[in-house]
Amino acid sequence: MKGRVIVVGDIHGCAAEFEALLEKLALTRQDRVVLLGDLVNRGPESARVIELARKHAHRALLGNHELRLLNYRRTGDPTHLKKNDFETLKQLGPKEWAYLETMPLTLQVTEAATVLVHGGFMPGKPWRGQPARVVTRIQVIGPDGQPYKRSAFPNSPHWSELWNGPPFVIYGHTPRPEPAHQKWSLGIDTGCVQGGALTACVLPGRTLVQVPAREKYFAA
């Protein structure tokens, strides 16, 4: 495999931390940077993050925050939005919107037998073809076997605990103090925007590289 595949967790407008992480990674022309979605919202510099993504990233996957903004743009229905989304909307111009429109749901890294996704997958089903509302938002599997946020069923198992590969899955979306290791998955949303860290996973080898948040920008 030429170069590295560098998978970056949820950035959420934390442009300074994203720049610091890119500098720490010392990118080469052969490297491919893949962002796991939720580039925007909550943090201060969503447009700057997209600018950096356009310059440095091979791909950026669709997160639930991008999906929400795109749904609003397509429908004009403000019920798609949350309060802090309006600050992001002020920052986005034609280049930023065009970039959001290009985001795929998943990316397969064949040479590493790994699939990348923002939120995750329904266990027991093929990963291909699962809809955006699931793969960008899934956290836990509820008592009825359906996907939910952690807040809906805090004692229910996270989808990753039930996922049996192959493939191995690297995902974001569920913020935790530390990366979440399972046999067939790795969660790398370490809550940068909430004062945690911004985490990258480098393939092959799954080496983790982190930079700490400069401040707490958002309280969940």
N, C-alpha and C. Protein backbone atom coordinates (compact mmCIF):
# COMPACT_ATOMS: atom_id res chain seq x y z
N MET A 1 0.85 -1.19 0.00
CA MET A 1 0.00 0.00 0.00
C MET A 1 0.89 1.24 0.00
N LYS A 2 0.68 2.12 -0.95
CA LYS A 2 1.43 3.35 -1.01
C LYS A 2 0.91 4.33 0.05
N GLY A 3 1.83 4.87 0.81
CA GLY A 3 1.44 5.88 1.79
C GLY A 3 0.55 5.30 2.88
N ARG A 4 0.00 6.19 3.68
CA ARG A 4 -0.86 5.82 4.79
C ARG A 4 -2.30 6.24 4.49
N VAL A 5 -3.24 5.51 5.07
CA VAL A 5 -4.62 5.99 5.13
C VAL A 5 -4.82 6.50 6.54
N ILE A 6 -5.13 7.80 6.65
CA ILE A 6 -5.24 8.46 7.95
C ILE A 6 -6.69 8.84 8.17
N VAL A 7 -7.31 8.20 9.16
CA VAL A 7 -8.74 8.36 9.42
C VAL A 7 -8.91 9.30 10.62
N VAL A 8 -9.66 10.37 10.43
CA VAL A 8 -9.78 11.40 11.46
C VAL A 8 -11.22 11.44 11.99
N GLY A 9 -11.36 11.47 13.30
CA GLY A 9 -12.67 11.51 13.95
C GLY A 9 -13.34 12.87 13.85
N ASP A 10 -14.44 13.03 14.54
CA ASP A 10 -15.32 14.20 14.43
C ASP A 10 -14.58 15.49 14.78
N ILE A 11 -14.56 16.44 13.84
CA ILE A 11 -13.84 17.70 14.03
C ILE A 11 -14.74 18.80 14.59
N HIS A 12 -15.98 18.87 14.14
CA HIS A 12 -16.97 19.81 14.68
C HIS A 12 -16.47 21.25 14.77
N GLY A 13 -15.92 21.75 13.67
CA GLY A 13 -15.54 23.16 13.65
C GLY A 13 -14.28 23.51 14.41
N CYS A 14 -13.54 22.51 14.89
CA CYS A 14 -12.31 22.76 15.66
C CYS A 14 -11.13 22.86 14.69
N ALA A 15 -11.05 23.97 13.97
CA ALA A 15 -10.05 24.11 12.91
C ALA A 15 -8.63 24.15 13.46
N ALA A 16 -8.42 24.82 14.58
CA ALA A 16 -7.07 24.91 15.14
C ALA A 16 -6.53 23.53 15.50
N GLU A 17 -7.38 22.72 16.10
CA GLU A 17 -6.97 21.35 16.46
C GLU A 17 -6.73 20.50 15.22
N PHE A 18 -7.57 20.68 14.20
CA PHE A 18 -7.39 19.95 12.95
C PHE A 18 -6.06 20.31 12.31
N GLU A 19 -5.73 21.58 12.27
CA GLU A 19 -4.44 22.01 11.72
C GLU A 19 -3.29 21.41 12.52
N ALA A 20 -3.42 21.42 13.85
CA ALA A 20 -2.36 20.87 14.70
C ALA A 20 -2.18 19.37 14.46
N LEU A 21 -3.30 18.68 14.26
CA LEU A 21 -3.22 17.23 14.00
C LEU A 21 -2.55 16.96 12.65
N LEU A 22 -2.93 17.72 11.63
CA LEU A 22 -2.31 17.55 10.31
C LEU A 22 -0.80 17.79 10.38
N GLU A 23 -0.41 18.80 11.15
CA GLU A 23 1.01 19.10 11.30
C GLU A 23 1.73 17.95 12.02
N LYS A 24 1.10 17.43 13.06
CA LYS A 24 1.70 16.32 13.82
C LYS A 24 1.85 15.07 12.95
N LEU A 25 0.92 14.87 12.02
CA LEU A 25 0.94 13.69 11.15
C LEU A 25 1.99 13.79 10.05
N ALA A 26 2.50 15.00 9.78
CA ALA A 26 3.54 15.21 8.77
C ALA A 26 3.18 14.50 7.46
N LEU A 27 2.13 14.96 6.82
CA LEU A 27 1.60 14.30 5.63
C LEU A 27 2.61 14.28 4.49
N THR A 28 2.53 13.19 3.72
CA THR A 28 3.28 13.10 2.47
C THR A 28 2.28 13.05 1.31
N ARG A 29 2.77 13.16 0.11
CA ARG A 29 1.88 13.14 -1.05
C ARG A 29 1.19 11.79 -1.23
N GLN A 30 1.78 10.74 -0.68
CA GLN A 30 1.20 9.41 -0.83
C GLN A 30 0.09 9.13 0.18
N ASP A 31 0.00 9.93 1.24
CA ASP A 31 -1.01 9.69 2.28
C ASP A 31 -2.40 10.06 1.78
N ARG A 32 -3.40 9.34 2.31
CA ARG A 32 -4.80 9.65 2.03
C ARG A 32 -5.50 9.93 3.36
N VAL A 33 -5.98 11.14 3.52
CA VAL A 33 -6.68 11.53 4.74
C VAL A 33 -8.18 11.36 4.50
N VAL A 34 -8.83 10.63 5.40
CA VAL A 34 -10.28 10.42 5.32
C VAL A 34 -10.91 10.93 6.62
N LEU A 35 -11.87 11.82 6.48
CA LEU A 35 -12.56 12.40 7.63
C LEU A 35 -13.88 11.68 7.84
N LEU A 36 -14.20 11.35 9.08
CA LEU A 36 -15.36 10.52 9.39
C LEU A 36 -16.67 11.29 9.54
N GLY A 37 -16.72 12.53 9.04
CA GLY A 37 -17.97 13.27 9.12
C GLY A 37 -18.08 14.14 10.36
N ASP A 38 -19.16 14.92 10.42
CA ASP A 38 -19.32 15.95 11.46
C ASP A 38 -18.12 16.88 11.48
N LEU A 39 -17.81 17.41 10.30
CA LEU A 39 -16.79 18.45 10.20
C LEU A 39 -17.29 19.75 10.80
N VAL A 40 -18.62 19.91 10.83
CA VAL A 40 -19.23 21.21 11.10
C VAL A 40 -20.03 21.20 12.42
N ASN A 41 -20.47 22.42 12.79
CA ASN A 41 -21.37 22.66 13.94
C ASN A 41 -20.64 22.53 15.28
N ARG A 42 -21.18 23.21 16.24
CA ARG A 42 -20.74 23.21 17.64
C ARG A 42 -19.46 23.98 17.88
N GLY A 43 -18.43 23.72 17.11
CA GLY A 43 -17.18 24.46 17.24
C GLY A 43 -17.21 25.76 16.46
N PRO A 44 -16.14 26.57 16.57
CA PRO A 44 -16.19 27.94 16.06
C PRO A 44 -15.96 28.14 14.57
N GLU A 45 -15.29 27.18 13.89
CA GLU A 45 -14.81 27.47 12.54
C GLU A 45 -15.17 26.38 11.54
N SER A 46 -16.46 26.18 11.31
CA SER A 46 -16.89 25.14 10.38
C SER A 46 -16.38 25.39 8.97
N ALA A 47 -16.47 26.62 8.49
CA ALA A 47 -16.03 26.91 7.12
C ALA A 47 -14.52 26.69 6.98
N ARG A 48 -13.76 27.05 7.99
CA ARG A 48 -12.30 26.84 7.95
C ARG A 48 -11.98 25.35 7.93
N VAL A 49 -12.71 24.55 8.66
CA VAL A 49 -12.50 23.10 8.63
C VAL A 49 -12.75 22.56 7.22
N ILE A 50 -13.82 23.01 6.59
CA ILE A 50 -14.11 22.56 5.22
C ILE A 50 -13.00 23.00 4.27
N GLU A 51 -12.49 24.21 4.46
CA GLU A 51 -11.38 24.69 3.63
C GLU A 51 -10.16 23.77 3.77
N LEU A 52 -9.85 23.40 5.00
CA LEU A 52 -8.73 22.49 5.25
C LEU A 52 -9.01 21.10 4.66
N ALA A 53 -10.24 20.67 4.76
CA ALA A 53 -10.62 19.37 4.19
C ALA A 53 -10.46 19.37 2.68
N ARG A 54 -10.89 20.44 2.04
CA ARG A 54 -10.78 20.53 0.58
C ARG A 54 -9.31 20.48 0.15
N LYS A 55 -8.46 21.02 0.99
CA LYS A 55 -7.02 21.08 0.66
C LYS A 55 -6.30 19.77 0.95
N HIS A 56 -6.64 19.12 2.07
CA HIS A 56 -5.82 18.01 2.56
C HIS A 56 -6.48 16.63 2.52
N ALA A 57 -7.81 16.56 2.47
CA ALA A 57 -8.48 15.27 2.62
C ALA A 57 -8.73 14.59 1.28
N HIS A 58 -8.53 13.30 1.28
CA HIS A 58 -8.88 12.46 0.13
C HIS A 58 -10.39 12.30 0.03
N ARG A 59 -11.03 12.10 1.18
CA ARG A 59 -12.49 11.99 1.26
C ARG A 59 -12.95 12.51 2.61
N ALA A 60 -14.18 13.00 2.65
CA ALA A 60 -14.86 13.29 3.91
C ALA A 60 -16.22 12.62 3.84
N LEU A 61 -16.53 11.80 4.83
CA LEU A 61 -17.79 11.05 4.84
C LEU A 61 -18.91 11.90 5.43
N LEU A 62 -20.13 11.54 5.08
CA LEU A 62 -21.30 12.27 5.55
C LEU A 62 -21.60 11.93 7.00
N GLY A 63 -21.68 12.97 7.82
CA GLY A 63 -22.09 12.80 9.21
C GLY A 63 -23.52 13.28 9.40
N ASN A 64 -24.07 13.03 10.57
CA ASN A 64 -25.45 13.46 10.82
C ASN A 64 -25.59 14.98 10.83
N HIS A 65 -24.51 15.69 11.19
CA HIS A 65 -24.60 17.16 11.18
C HIS A 65 -24.62 17.71 9.75
N GLU A 66 -23.82 17.14 8.86
CA GLU A 66 -23.90 17.55 7.46
C GLU A 66 -25.25 17.17 6.85
N LEU A 67 -25.73 15.98 7.18
CA LEU A 67 -27.02 15.53 6.66
C LEU A 67 -28.14 16.47 7.07
N ARG A 68 -28.09 16.94 8.31
CA ARG A 68 -29.10 17.86 8.82
C ARG A 68 -29.10 19.17 8.02
N LEU A 69 -27.91 19.71 7.79
CA LEU A 69 -27.81 20.96 7.04
C LEU A 69 -28.27 20.79 5.60
N LEU A 70 -27.89 19.67 5.00
CA LEU A 70 -28.30 19.42 3.61
C LEU A 70 -29.81 19.23 3.50
N ASN A 71 -30.40 18.56 4.47
CA ASN A 71 -31.86 18.38 4.46
C ASN A 71 -32.57 19.73 4.57
N TYR A 72 -32.01 20.61 5.40
CA TYR A 72 -32.59 21.95 5.51
C TYR A 72 -32.44 22.71 4.19
N ARG A 73 -31.27 22.62 3.59
CA ARG A 73 -31.03 23.34 2.33
C ARG A 73 -31.97 22.86 1.23
N ARG A 74 -32.25 21.56 1.23
CA ARG A 74 -33.10 21.01 0.17
C ARG A 74 -34.58 21.30 0.39
N THR A 75 -34.98 21.38 1.64
CA THR A 75 -36.42 21.50 1.95
C THR A 75 -36.83 22.89 2.43
N GLY A 76 -35.87 23.65 2.99
CA GLY A 76 -36.21 24.92 3.60
C GLY A 76 -36.95 24.79 4.91
N ASP A 77 -37.02 23.57 5.44
CA ASP A 77 -37.76 23.30 6.66
C ASP A 77 -36.85 23.47 7.88
N PRO A 78 -37.04 24.51 8.69
CA PRO A 78 -36.13 24.76 9.82
C PRO A 78 -36.24 23.73 10.95
N THR A 79 -37.24 22.88 10.91
CA THR A 79 -37.33 21.85 11.96
C THR A 79 -36.19 20.84 11.85
N HIS A 80 -35.49 20.82 10.72
CA HIS A 80 -34.31 19.96 10.60
C HIS A 80 -33.16 20.46 11.46
N LEU A 81 -33.19 21.75 11.84
CA LEU A 81 -32.03 22.38 12.46
C LEU A 81 -32.10 22.40 13.99
N LYS A 82 -30.93 22.52 14.59
CA LYS A 82 -30.82 22.78 16.02
C LYS A 82 -30.22 24.18 16.20
N LYS A 83 -30.32 24.69 17.40
CA LYS A 83 -29.99 26.09 17.66
C LYS A 83 -28.61 26.48 17.14
N ASN A 84 -27.59 25.67 17.44
CA ASN A 84 -26.24 26.07 17.05
C ASN A 84 -25.95 25.91 15.57
N ASP A 85 -26.87 25.27 14.82
CA ASP A 85 -26.68 25.14 13.38
C ASP A 85 -26.73 26.49 12.67
N PHE A 86 -27.47 27.43 13.22
CA PHE A 86 -27.65 28.71 12.53
C PHE A 86 -26.33 29.48 12.42
N GLU A 87 -25.46 29.31 13.41
CA GLU A 87 -24.14 29.95 13.34
C GLU A 87 -23.32 29.37 12.19
N THR A 88 -23.44 28.06 11.99
CA THR A 88 -22.74 27.42 10.87
C THR A 88 -23.27 27.91 9.54
N LEU A 89 -24.59 28.03 9.43
CA LEU A 89 -25.19 28.46 8.16
C LEU A 89 -24.65 29.82 7.71
N LYS A 90 -24.35 30.69 8.66
CA LYS A 90 -23.79 32.01 8.32
C LYS A 90 -22.42 31.89 7.65
N GLN A 91 -21.71 30.80 7.95
CA GLN A 91 -20.33 30.64 7.46
C GLN A 91 -20.26 29.98 6.09
N LEU A 92 -21.31 29.29 5.69
CA LEU A 92 -21.22 28.45 4.50
C LEU A 92 -21.55 29.21 3.22
N GLY A 93 -20.64 29.14 2.27
CA GLY A 93 -20.86 29.71 0.95
C GLY A 93 -20.96 28.61 -0.09
N PRO A 94 -20.98 28.96 -1.37
CA PRO A 94 -21.14 27.97 -2.45
C PRO A 94 -20.10 26.86 -2.43
N LYS A 95 -18.83 27.19 -2.15
CA LYS A 95 -17.78 26.17 -2.12
C LYS A 95 -18.02 25.15 -1.00
N GLU A 96 -18.43 25.68 0.14
CA GLU A 96 -18.66 24.78 1.29
C GLU A 96 -19.86 23.86 1.03
N TRP A 97 -20.94 24.43 0.52
CA TRP A 97 -22.11 23.60 0.22
C TRP A 97 -21.79 22.54 -0.84
N ALA A 98 -21.04 22.94 -1.85
CA ALA A 98 -20.67 21.99 -2.90
C ALA A 98 -19.87 20.83 -2.31
N TYR A 99 -19.00 21.13 -1.35
CA TYR A 99 -18.21 20.08 -0.72
C TYR A 99 -19.11 19.13 0.08
N LEU A 100 -20.04 19.68 0.84
CA LEU A 100 -20.95 18.84 1.62
C LEU A 100 -21.75 17.90 0.72
N GLU A 101 -22.11 18.38 -0.46
CA GLU A 101 -22.91 17.58 -1.38
C GLU A 101 -22.15 16.37 -1.92
N THR A 102 -20.82 16.40 -1.85
CA THR A 102 -20.02 15.30 -2.42
C THR A 102 -19.76 14.17 -1.42
N MET A 103 -20.18 14.33 -0.18
CA MET A 103 -19.78 13.37 0.86
C MET A 103 -20.47 12.02 0.71
N PRO A 104 -19.71 10.93 0.58
CA PRO A 104 -20.31 9.60 0.56
C PRO A 104 -20.61 9.11 1.97
N LEU A 105 -21.39 8.04 2.07
CA LEU A 105 -21.73 7.48 3.37
C LEU A 105 -20.63 6.60 3.95
N THR A 106 -19.92 5.91 3.09
CA THR A 106 -18.93 4.94 3.55
C THR A 106 -17.72 4.98 2.62
N LEU A 107 -16.63 4.41 3.09
CA LEU A 107 -15.45 4.22 2.25
C LEU A 107 -14.80 2.91 2.65
N GLN A 108 -14.57 2.07 1.67
CA GLN A 108 -13.93 0.77 1.91
C GLN A 108 -12.43 0.91 1.65
N VAL A 109 -11.64 0.52 2.64
CA VAL A 109 -10.18 0.49 2.49
C VAL A 109 -9.81 -0.98 2.31
N THR A 110 -9.84 -1.42 1.07
CA THR A 110 -9.73 -2.86 0.77
C THR A 110 -8.44 -3.44 1.29
N GLU A 111 -7.34 -2.71 1.13
CA GLU A 111 -6.03 -3.25 1.52
C GLU A 111 -5.91 -3.43 3.03
N ALA A 112 -6.77 -2.78 3.80
CA ALA A 112 -6.76 -2.93 5.25
C ALA A 112 -7.97 -3.71 5.76
N ALA A 113 -8.77 -4.28 4.83
CA ALA A 113 -9.98 -5.04 5.18
C ALA A 113 -10.86 -4.25 6.16
N THR A 114 -11.01 -2.94 5.87
CA THR A 114 -11.67 -2.02 6.79
C THR A 114 -12.68 -1.17 6.04
N VAL A 115 -13.80 -0.88 6.71
CA VAL A 115 -14.79 0.06 6.18
C VAL A 115 -14.89 1.24 7.13
N LEU A 116 -14.97 2.43 6.56
CA LEU A 116 -15.07 3.66 7.33
C LEU A 116 -16.48 4.21 7.21
N VAL A 117 -17.02 4.73 8.33
CA VAL A 117 -18.39 5.25 8.35
C VAL A 117 -18.49 6.25 9.49
N HIS A 118 -19.45 7.16 9.41
CA HIS A 118 -19.59 8.14 10.49
C HIS A 118 -20.14 7.51 11.76
N GLY A 119 -21.35 6.95 11.68
CA GLY A 119 -22.02 6.47 12.88
C GLY A 119 -21.85 4.99 13.14
N GLY A 120 -22.13 4.18 12.14
CA GLY A 120 -22.02 2.74 12.30
C GLY A 120 -23.01 1.99 11.44
N PHE A 121 -23.20 0.73 11.77
CA PHE A 121 -24.07 -0.15 11.00
C PHE A 121 -24.98 -0.97 11.91
N MET A 122 -26.11 -1.35 11.35
CA MET A 122 -26.96 -2.32 12.05
C MET A 122 -26.27 -3.67 12.04
N PRO A 123 -26.02 -4.26 13.21
CA PRO A 123 -25.39 -5.58 13.25
C PRO A 123 -26.27 -6.63 12.61
N GLY A 124 -25.63 -7.67 12.10
CA GLY A 124 -26.36 -8.79 11.53
C GLY A 124 -26.86 -8.55 10.12
N LYS A 125 -26.52 -7.40 9.54
CA LYS A 125 -26.93 -7.08 8.18
C LYS A 125 -25.71 -6.66 7.38
N PRO A 126 -25.73 -6.85 6.06
CA PRO A 126 -24.60 -6.38 5.25
C PRO A 126 -24.40 -4.87 5.42
N TRP A 127 -23.16 -4.45 5.47
CA TRP A 127 -22.90 -3.02 5.68
C TRP A 127 -23.29 -2.20 4.45
N ARG A 128 -23.12 -2.78 3.29
CA ARG A 128 -23.48 -2.06 2.07
C ARG A 128 -24.99 -1.84 2.00
N GLY A 129 -25.38 -0.64 1.59
CA GLY A 129 -26.79 -0.38 1.35
C GLY A 129 -27.59 0.05 2.55
N GLN A 130 -26.98 0.13 3.74
CA GLN A 130 -27.73 0.63 4.89
C GLN A 130 -27.96 2.13 4.70
N PRO A 131 -29.15 2.63 5.06
CA PRO A 131 -29.52 4.00 4.70
C PRO A 131 -28.80 5.06 5.53
N ALA A 132 -28.81 6.28 4.98
CA ALA A 132 -28.13 7.40 5.63
C ALA A 132 -28.64 7.64 7.05
N ARG A 133 -29.94 7.52 7.26
CA ARG A 133 -30.50 7.80 8.58
C ARG A 133 -29.96 6.82 9.62
N VAL A 134 -29.54 5.62 9.19
CA VAL A 134 -28.95 4.64 10.11
C VAL A 134 -27.45 4.88 10.25
N VAL A 135 -26.73 4.91 9.13
CA VAL A 135 -25.27 4.89 9.22
C VAL A 135 -24.69 6.21 9.72
N THR A 136 -25.46 7.30 9.66
CA THR A 136 -24.96 8.56 10.21
C THR A 136 -25.38 8.78 11.65
N ARG A 137 -26.34 8.02 12.15
CA ARG A 137 -26.93 8.34 13.46
C ARG A 137 -26.89 7.22 14.49
N ILE A 138 -26.70 5.99 14.07
CA ILE A 138 -26.83 4.86 14.98
C ILE A 138 -25.83 4.96 16.14
N GLN A 139 -26.33 4.65 17.34
CA GLN A 139 -25.46 4.47 18.50
C GLN A 139 -25.79 3.13 19.17
N VAL A 140 -26.92 3.07 19.85
CA VAL A 140 -27.26 1.82 20.54
C VAL A 140 -28.36 1.07 19.79
N ILE A 141 -28.47 -0.21 20.14
CA ILE A 141 -29.55 -1.05 19.62
C ILE A 141 -30.58 -1.20 20.73
N GLY A 142 -31.77 -0.67 20.49
CA GLY A 142 -32.81 -0.67 21.51
C GLY A 142 -33.41 -2.04 21.75
N PRO A 143 -34.29 -2.15 22.76
CA PRO A 143 -34.94 -3.43 23.08
C PRO A 143 -35.74 -4.01 21.92
N ASP A 144 -36.17 -3.14 20.99
CA ASP A 144 -36.93 -3.61 19.83
C ASP A 144 -36.04 -3.97 18.64
N GLY A 145 -34.71 -3.92 18.86
CA GLY A 145 -33.78 -4.26 17.79
C GLY A 145 -33.53 -3.15 16.80
N GLN A 146 -34.03 -1.95 17.07
CA GLN A 146 -33.87 -0.82 16.17
C GLN A 146 -32.76 0.12 16.67
N PRO A 147 -32.20 0.95 15.77
CA PRO A 147 -31.12 1.87 16.17
C PRO A 147 -31.65 3.11 16.89
N TYR A 148 -30.92 3.55 17.91
CA TYR A 148 -31.30 4.73 18.68
C TYR A 148 -30.07 5.51 19.12
N LYS A 149 -30.31 6.74 19.60
CA LYS A 149 -29.27 7.48 20.30
C LYS A 149 -29.02 6.83 21.67
N ARG A 150 -27.83 7.06 22.19
CA ARG A 150 -27.53 6.56 23.54
C ARG A 150 -28.51 7.10 24.57
N SER A 151 -28.92 8.35 24.41
CA SER A 151 -29.79 8.98 25.40
C SER A 151 -31.16 8.32 25.48
N ALA A 152 -31.59 7.67 24.39
CA ALA A 152 -32.91 7.03 24.39
C ALA A 152 -32.90 5.75 25.23
N PHE A 153 -31.84 4.98 25.12
CA PHE A 153 -31.71 3.71 25.87
C PHE A 153 -30.27 3.60 26.39
N PRO A 154 -29.95 4.34 27.46
CA PRO A 154 -28.56 4.39 27.91
C PRO A 154 -28.00 3.07 28.38
N ASN A 155 -28.85 2.11 28.69
CA ASN A 155 -28.35 0.81 29.14
C ASN A 155 -28.32 -0.25 28.04
N SER A 156 -28.71 0.16 26.83
CA SER A 156 -28.70 -0.79 25.71
C SER A 156 -27.30 -0.89 25.10
N PRO A 157 -27.00 -2.01 24.45
CA PRO A 157 -25.65 -2.19 23.90
C PRO A 157 -25.38 -1.26 22.71
N HIS A 158 -24.17 -0.76 22.66
CA HIS A 158 -23.73 -0.01 21.48
C HIS A 158 -23.65 -0.97 20.30
N TRP A 159 -23.98 -0.47 19.11
CA TRP A 159 -23.99 -1.35 17.93
C TRP A 159 -22.65 -2.08 17.77
N SER A 160 -21.55 -1.40 18.12
CA SER A 160 -20.22 -1.98 17.91
C SER A 160 -19.97 -3.21 18.77
N GLU A 161 -20.68 -3.30 19.90
CA GLU A 161 -20.54 -4.47 20.76
C GLU A 161 -21.18 -5.71 20.14
N LEU A 162 -22.07 -5.49 19.18
CA LEU A 162 -22.79 -6.58 18.54
C LEU A 162 -22.31 -6.85 17.12
N TRP A 163 -21.37 -6.05 16.66
CA TRP A 163 -20.91 -6.16 15.28
C TRP A 163 -19.85 -7.25 15.15
N ASN A 164 -20.12 -8.20 14.29
CA ASN A 164 -19.16 -9.26 14.00
C ASN A 164 -18.71 -9.14 12.55
N GLY A 165 -17.45 -8.80 12.36
CA GLY A 165 -16.92 -8.68 11.01
C GLY A 165 -16.48 -10.02 10.47
N PRO A 166 -15.78 -10.04 9.35
CA PRO A 166 -15.33 -8.84 8.65
C PRO A 166 -16.47 -8.13 7.93
N PRO A 167 -16.26 -6.83 7.61
CA PRO A 167 -15.02 -6.07 7.76
C PRO A 167 -14.85 -5.47 9.15
N PHE A 168 -13.63 -5.03 9.41
CA PHE A 168 -13.37 -4.17 10.56
C PHE A 168 -13.94 -2.79 10.24
N VAL A 169 -14.53 -2.12 11.24
CA VAL A 169 -15.17 -0.82 11.02
C VAL A 169 -14.51 0.24 11.91
N ILE A 170 -14.15 1.36 11.30
CA ILE A 170 -13.69 2.52 12.06
C ILE A 170 -14.75 3.60 11.91
N TYR A 171 -15.18 4.17 13.04
CA TYR A 171 -16.32 5.09 13.04
C TYR A 171 -16.09 6.23 14.03
N GLY A 172 -16.98 7.24 13.95
CA GLY A 172 -16.96 8.37 14.88
C GLY A 172 -18.30 8.45 15.59
N HIS A 173 -18.84 9.67 15.70
CA HIS A 173 -20.22 9.93 16.11
C HIS A 173 -20.53 9.75 17.59
N THR A 174 -20.03 8.71 18.22
CA THR A 174 -20.29 8.46 19.63
C THR A 174 -19.10 8.95 20.45
N PRO A 175 -19.19 10.16 21.04
CA PRO A 175 -18.02 10.69 21.76
C PRO A 175 -17.76 9.94 23.05
N ARG A 176 -16.48 9.66 23.27
CA ARG A 176 -16.04 8.98 24.49
C ARG A 176 -14.71 9.60 24.92
N PRO A 177 -14.34 9.44 26.19
CA PRO A 177 -13.07 10.01 26.65
C PRO A 177 -11.85 9.39 25.97
N GLU A 178 -11.96 8.11 25.59
CA GLU A 178 -10.86 7.39 24.95
C GLU A 178 -11.39 6.63 23.73
N PRO A 179 -10.54 6.30 22.77
CA PRO A 179 -10.98 5.47 21.66
C PRO A 179 -11.58 4.16 22.15
N ALA A 180 -12.61 3.69 21.45
CA ALA A 180 -13.36 2.50 21.86
C ALA A 180 -12.95 1.30 21.01
N HIS A 181 -12.25 0.37 21.63
CA HIS A 181 -11.75 -0.80 20.91
C HIS A 181 -12.68 -1.99 21.10
N GLN A 182 -13.07 -2.59 20.00
CA GLN A 182 -13.74 -3.89 20.00
C GLN A 182 -13.00 -4.80 19.02
N LYS A 183 -13.32 -6.08 19.02
CA LYS A 183 -12.61 -7.01 18.12
C LYS A 183 -12.74 -6.58 16.67
N TRP A 184 -13.95 -6.10 16.29
CA TRP A 184 -14.21 -5.80 14.89
C TRP A 184 -14.48 -4.32 14.64
N SER A 185 -14.14 -3.45 15.57
CA SER A 185 -14.42 -2.02 15.35
C SER A 185 -13.53 -1.15 16.24
N LEU A 186 -13.45 0.12 15.83
CA LEU A 186 -12.73 1.12 16.60
C LEU A 186 -13.47 2.44 16.46
N GLY A 187 -13.88 3.03 17.59
CA GLY A 187 -14.52 4.34 17.60
C GLY A 187 -13.51 5.41 17.97
N ILE A 188 -13.40 6.46 17.13
CA ILE A 188 -12.35 7.46 17.37
C ILE A 188 -12.90 8.87 17.55
N ASP A 189 -14.18 8.99 17.92
CA ASP A 189 -14.68 10.32 18.33
C ASP A 189 -14.35 10.48 19.81
N THR A 190 -13.35 11.29 20.09
CA THR A 190 -12.92 11.51 21.48
C THR A 190 -13.28 12.92 21.95
N GLY A 191 -14.36 13.46 21.39
CA GLY A 191 -15.00 14.65 21.94
C GLY A 191 -14.16 15.91 21.92
N CYS A 192 -13.48 16.17 20.83
CA CYS A 192 -12.64 17.36 20.76
C CYS A 192 -13.44 18.63 21.08
N VAL A 193 -14.60 18.77 20.47
CA VAL A 193 -15.38 20.00 20.65
C VAL A 193 -15.89 20.16 22.08
N GLN A 194 -15.91 19.06 22.83
CA GLN A 194 -16.34 19.09 24.23
C GLN A 194 -15.15 19.16 25.18
N GLY A 195 -13.98 19.49 24.63
CA GLY A 195 -12.79 19.64 25.48
C GLY A 195 -11.94 18.40 25.57
N GLY A 196 -12.22 17.39 24.74
CA GLY A 196 -11.45 16.15 24.74
C GLY A 196 -10.23 16.24 23.85
N ALA A 197 -10.18 15.37 22.83
CA ALA A 197 -9.05 15.35 21.91
C ALA A 197 -9.55 15.06 20.51
N LEU A 198 -8.75 15.42 19.52
CA LEU A 198 -9.02 15.04 18.14
C LEU A 198 -8.11 13.88 17.82
N THR A 199 -8.72 12.78 17.36
CA THR A 199 -8.00 11.52 17.19
C THR A 199 -7.95 11.10 15.73
N ALA A 200 -6.78 10.61 15.32
CA ALA A 200 -6.61 9.99 14.01
C ALA A 200 -6.15 8.56 14.20
N CYS A 201 -6.58 7.69 13.30
CA CYS A 201 -6.13 6.30 13.26
C CYS A 201 -5.40 6.10 11.94
N VAL A 202 -4.17 5.64 12.01
CA VAL A 202 -3.32 5.50 10.84
C VAL A 202 -3.28 4.04 10.40
N LEU A 203 -3.68 3.80 9.16
CA LEU A 203 -3.64 2.47 8.57
C LEU A 203 -2.47 2.37 7.60
N PRO A 204 -1.80 1.19 7.50
CA PRO A 204 -2.08 -0.01 8.28
C PRO A 204 -1.51 0.11 9.70
N GLY A 205 -1.95 -0.77 10.56
CA GLY A 205 -1.41 -0.81 11.92
C GLY A 205 -2.30 -0.22 12.98
N ARG A 206 -3.23 0.67 12.57
CA ARG A 206 -4.18 1.30 13.51
C ARG A 206 -3.48 2.07 14.63
N THR A 207 -2.40 2.72 14.28
CA THR A 207 -1.73 3.59 15.24
C THR A 207 -2.60 4.82 15.49
N LEU A 208 -2.73 5.22 16.75
CA LEU A 208 -3.55 6.37 17.11
C LEU A 208 -2.66 7.60 17.34
N VAL A 209 -3.10 8.73 16.78
CA VAL A 209 -2.41 10.01 16.95
C VAL A 209 -3.45 11.01 17.43
N GLN A 210 -3.12 11.78 18.47
CA GLN A 210 -4.10 12.70 19.05
C GLN A 210 -3.49 14.08 19.30
N VAL A 211 -4.36 15.08 19.26
CA VAL A 211 -4.02 16.40 19.79
C VAL A 211 -5.12 16.80 20.76
N PRO A 212 -4.79 17.45 21.87
CA PRO A 212 -5.81 17.85 22.83
C PRO A 212 -6.58 19.07 22.34
N ALA A 213 -7.83 19.17 22.78
CA ALA A 213 -8.62 20.37 22.48
C ALA A 213 -8.00 21.58 23.16
N ARG A 214 -8.07 22.72 22.50
CA ARG A 214 -7.53 23.95 23.10
C ARG A 214 -8.47 24.52 24.14
N GLU A 215 -9.76 24.23 23.97
CA GLU A 215 -10.74 24.63 24.97
C GLU A 215 -12.01 23.79 24.79
N LYS A 216 -12.93 23.97 25.70
CA LYS A 216 -14.23 23.31 25.59
C LYS A 216 -15.17 24.27 24.87
N TYR A 217 -15.55 23.92 23.64
CA TYR A 217 -16.35 24.81 22.83
C TYR A 217 -17.86 24.56 22.98
N PHE A 218 -18.21 23.36 23.43
CA PHE A 218 -19.61 22.97 23.43
C PHE A 218 -19.87 22.04 24.61
N ALA A 219 -20.97 22.28 25.31
CA ALA A 219 -21.39 21.39 26.40
C ALA A 219 -22.61 20.60 25.95
N ALA A 220 -22.48 19.29 25.97
CA ALA A 220 -23.58 18.43 25.49
C ALA A 220 -24.76 18.51 26.44
